[in-house]
Amino acid sequence: MCCVIAVNASSFSSSAPRALMRSSASALLRHASLESAGCHCSPSIAPFRLPLHRSMAAGGGLHVVSWNVASWRTAAGEISRRHGLREWFAALAPDVLCLQEVKISADDVHRDTSLLAAPDGYESFWATNEGKGAQYKGFNGVGAYARDGLVVRAERRPLRDDALDDEGRCMLLELRLRVVIVNAYVPSVSCAGRHALKLRFLDALGALLARERDAGKRVVLAGDLNLTASALDAHWTRTWLDISALSAAARAGSLSAASLWPNAEREVALSERAAEQARQLDVRALALARALGLGFDALRAALESSQVRECRTQNTLTGASFEKHKLFVSVPALVAGGGDAWRPIGWVMDSPEGVRWCFPRELREADGAPGEPTRADAVGGSEGEEEEGAESGVVCAMCRRAGELRLGSLRPLAAAVLAGLGDAFGEVEWARLAASPVFSRESCDALVRARFHALCAAGGGLLDTFRAAHPRAQSRFTAWDQSAQRRFSNVGSRIDFILAPAELLGCAARGEALDTGGSAHEPCSAAAAHCAATAGGRWRAQAYGKAGLVEGEAPSYALHLRQPAHTGIIYTPPSYSDHVAVSALLRGYDLHAAAAEAASEAARGARSVDSGMQPHLRWQGERSFMMAYFRQTAPQGTRAGEGAHGRAKPGGDGEKAKQGAAKKQRRGAGPIDYFVRALR
């Protein structure tokens, strides 16, 4: 660290400035050497206190919020512009706010304290990617804001694996009353080789939870886990359907509602009308399944003769054009209304390989056991990579299997090839077919899903707080494809979680109100979830060919702040991030007891914080040190508000003079000007 010190010492004696600068620089260098050795020499911090806030007023409990912000600088900038950062924190009132994918480095936090440092009443902690690992500096990163006095221990490298910790994906905060919050951003399978890393990260995360649990701590896991916990957590379009097996059952005449949904359970409390509607839905979904099964040969022939063609898209704002690719299929004369015609289906994609992943040329019948994976369809990328190493020889469960297609690809293909099918069946019938445990399977990797359950066990039986509070909620997602504007049709997945033990969650969580976007829909329904995601239609998709997001009305940006502290989803505006926040009100945490512990003299010294987690305090500490030193050593007449002989200036007792002196002190102005900048 290099400390540059500039001092205006025009009022000192000739020998005073040089001696003052020399002694000040020595002190700062001592401070820097201690920090480089890993010692936490933070400057004076706010006193340990827990102010009353709305969660305490509502009956107590710890309000934890977790949010993948996809760049905190962007999200915080939007928040500052729309609400003011301090006002936003006051309205949301989190006790702990966990952030993922902050996309900043320690230098960014150090330089831009006005935006990234904590507002009044909070302190911030950061675990950033400094470019030591496989990814670039500033990628990933997690951060957290906690109320003053709540955190007694903080670690930024808790996984005990240098390669994983270097990516800045995990931090640990221990709160008072022996509660540990682990803030994690699990890697996604976005490129070849990352699937093994994801499994390794989840294993290390489980080991961390087990260590803390064995040490007698109550553990909470919050963050973007990049996985789904059940079939309810992903849109039906992501489900794989075994068309080959469906075809065999349809031709054998054995396809029935009982074979599609064996042991189907209906809600006991369903009214007679609702029960009849459910039976009619099963009849229509069964008809859809039969049509797909009997049309298997036509679907296979259409894929075999299909073509991937180039197409160009243009950004209407910049005029830039891009080369994309799309699938074209030969439509039968019966559907085309004349001779055979080529019809585009699906969506534009960046590469032909991407198109062929969604629409394979071959749709083979399964030649092994039902649902057996096939290596021929394992392609590199986010959707089907074959991994070597610890799981050598095991094909990723996201790989396509023989005779399977994702429903998101099958629906437009079937609508183009099979006459009348596109108009006869709507989304509810397709969604019901996706719920068949016999002919469909989830898109989540089985190996990853097993790790999720292992995480819950390692933490001592952790509960998915959202699902515990809302077990029947449908289509409640936290992440959408922003570039394809999927949020406005609510085609997404729930991959952001807060996992907590039952003793912390308490019994009051179940039955808490769900956001319905102001609609009258049943709160657990998919229609209510769609209204919540779009704020009752206030958030709208951009018109085709236009870039950016549609600007909403000013009051719409404050809708996510209207709910009191609760366990559920906080639907932040689309311009803030492609994820929304999740929250949990842990009623089993006694904030009053924590406040009492914080107030005790004995507890104030029991604090262990990794010095690298608060880089913004280094500048504040240097500034405070220099200010205090100059105030003590400056001769009379050079201190703010004093005259030439140490007497108060005329009018110094006036309000205007006091405001002026305070302003100068904040700016470091006046006869003593200085500027301290830390450079690495």
Foldseek 3Di string as FASTA:
>chain_A
DDKDKDKQPPPDPPPPPVVLVVVLVVVLVVVVVCVVVFDFPFFDDDAAFDDDADCVVVPDFAKEWEEAQLAQVQLLVVCCVQPRNVRVCRLQVHQKYKYKFNQAALVVCQVCVVRNADDPQKGKFWQFQCQPEPDRGSTMIMMMIHGGNFFFEKDQQQLPDCNVSNHHFWMWTATPPQAIEIEGDQDAQFWPPCVVVSLVVLVSLLVSLLVSVVVVHFYKYFYQSNFAQDPQFAAQLQKKFQLLVLLVCLVVVNQDLCQQAPPDDDDPPDDPVRVVVVVVLSVLLSVLSNLSSVCVVQLLVFLLPKDKDWDKAAAPVPRDIAIWIWIWTWEPCVAVVHHIDIDTFDDTHHDPVVRCLQRPSGQARDPDPPPDADPVQADIGNQWHQDDDPPHPDTWSSGDHHNMHRNNSVLRSCPRHPPPSNVSDDDSSSRVSSPGPNGIDGNGTPSSNVSVVSSCVSNPNWDFLACVQPVLAGLQAFFDDVVVPCLLVSRHGHRTTMIGDDLQQDDPQHPDAAQQLPDPDDRRDNNSNNSRSCSNVQFDQDPPSYDDGDDGDSVVQCPLSPDHRGFAWRNHDPSSRRGTMGMGGRRSDGVVVSSVLSPDPVNVVSHHYRNSTNSNSSQVNSLVVVLVSCVVPPDACQQQQAHNHNHGDVVCVPPVNVVVSVVCVVQCDGSIRMDIDDDD
